Protein backbone atom coordinates (compact mmCIF):
# COMPACT_ATOMS: atom_id res chain seq x y z
CA MET A 1 7.61 -5.44 0.85
CA ARG A 2 8.22 -3.82 4.21
CA SER A 3 5.49 -2.77 6.58
CA PRO A 4 5.65 -0.67 9.74
CA GLN A 5 2.91 -2.95 11.14
CA ARG A 6 3.00 -6.70 11.55
CA LEU A 7 0.81 -8.38 8.94
CA ARG A 8 -1.00 -11.70 9.23
CA LEU A 9 -0.32 -14.41 6.69
CA GLY A 10 -3.26 -14.59 4.30
CA SER A 11 -4.26 -10.95 4.86
CA VAL A 12 -5.67 -9.17 1.82
CA LEU A 13 -4.07 -5.80 1.07
CA SER A 14 -5.26 -2.91 -1.07
CA LEU A 15 -2.27 -1.85 -3.19
CA ARG A 16 -1.39 1.13 -5.35
CA LEU A 17 1.57 0.26 -7.55
CA ARG A 18 3.64 2.80 -9.47
CA ILE A 19 4.64 1.49 -12.88
CA PRO A 20 8.25 2.35 -13.86
CA THR A 21 8.60 4.92 -16.64
CA GLU A 22 10.63 2.40 -18.67
CA ILE A 23 7.55 0.15 -18.86
CA SER A 24 4.68 2.65 -19.03
CA GLY A 25 6.31 5.48 -20.99
CA THR A 26 4.99 8.07 -18.52
CA PRO A 27 6.18 8.99 -15.00
CA PHE A 28 2.60 9.17 -13.72
CA SER A 29 1.37 5.63 -14.40
CA ALA A 30 -0.04 3.60 -11.51
CA SER A 31 -2.34 0.66 -10.97
CA ASN A 32 -4.62 -0.31 -8.12
CA GLY A 33 -5.03 -3.91 -7.12
CA THR A 34 -5.19 -6.36 -4.28
CA GLY A 35 -2.52 -8.56 -2.84
CA ARG A 36 -2.34 -11.39 -0.35
CA VAL A 37 0.43 -11.80 2.26
CA VAL A 38 2.02 -15.22 1.64
CA SER A 39 5.12 -15.18 3.87
CA GLU A 40 7.05 -13.18 6.44
CA HIS A 41 10.84 -12.80 6.57
CA GLN A 42 13.29 -11.00 8.80
CA LEU A 43 15.38 -8.59 6.73
CA GLU A 44 19.09 -7.86 7.18
CA ASP A 45 18.37 -4.67 9.12
CA GLY A 46 16.16 -6.60 11.57
CA SER A 47 12.85 -5.32 10.22
CA LEU A 48 10.13 -7.58 8.88
CA GLY A 49 9.49 -8.02 5.19
CA TYR A 50 6.57 -9.74 3.49
CA ARG A 51 6.10 -11.60 0.25
CA VAL A 52 2.84 -10.49 -1.33
CA THR A 53 1.12 -12.15 -4.29
CA ILE A 54 -0.59 -9.57 -6.48
CA GLU A 55 -4.10 -10.55 -7.51
CA ARG A 56 -5.43 -8.66 -10.53
CA SER A 57 -7.96 -9.38 -13.24
CA PRO A 58 -6.88 -9.60 -16.92
CA ALA A 59 -8.90 -6.42 -17.64
CA GLU A 60 -6.80 -4.43 -15.16
CA ILE A 61 -3.57 -5.77 -16.63
CA SER A 62 -4.61 -4.79 -20.15
CA LYS A 63 -5.25 -1.21 -18.98
CA ILE A 64 -1.62 -1.02 -17.87
CA LEU A 65 -0.06 -2.57 -20.96
CA PHE A 66 -2.18 -1.02 -23.72
């Protein structure tokens, strides 16, 4: 993911993820969760990008899928 601000490795982020219509069946599906910044990379355009691991409980995942 890109960020306009520099993020520290290990930082915990509050995320709101939009679920694609092809998966959810509705254009208005979203999920809240947390993520942790695991690495930083320079992107082709010179901006910084981050790899974020999404941390969610099984209960939250089941709400999305069922």
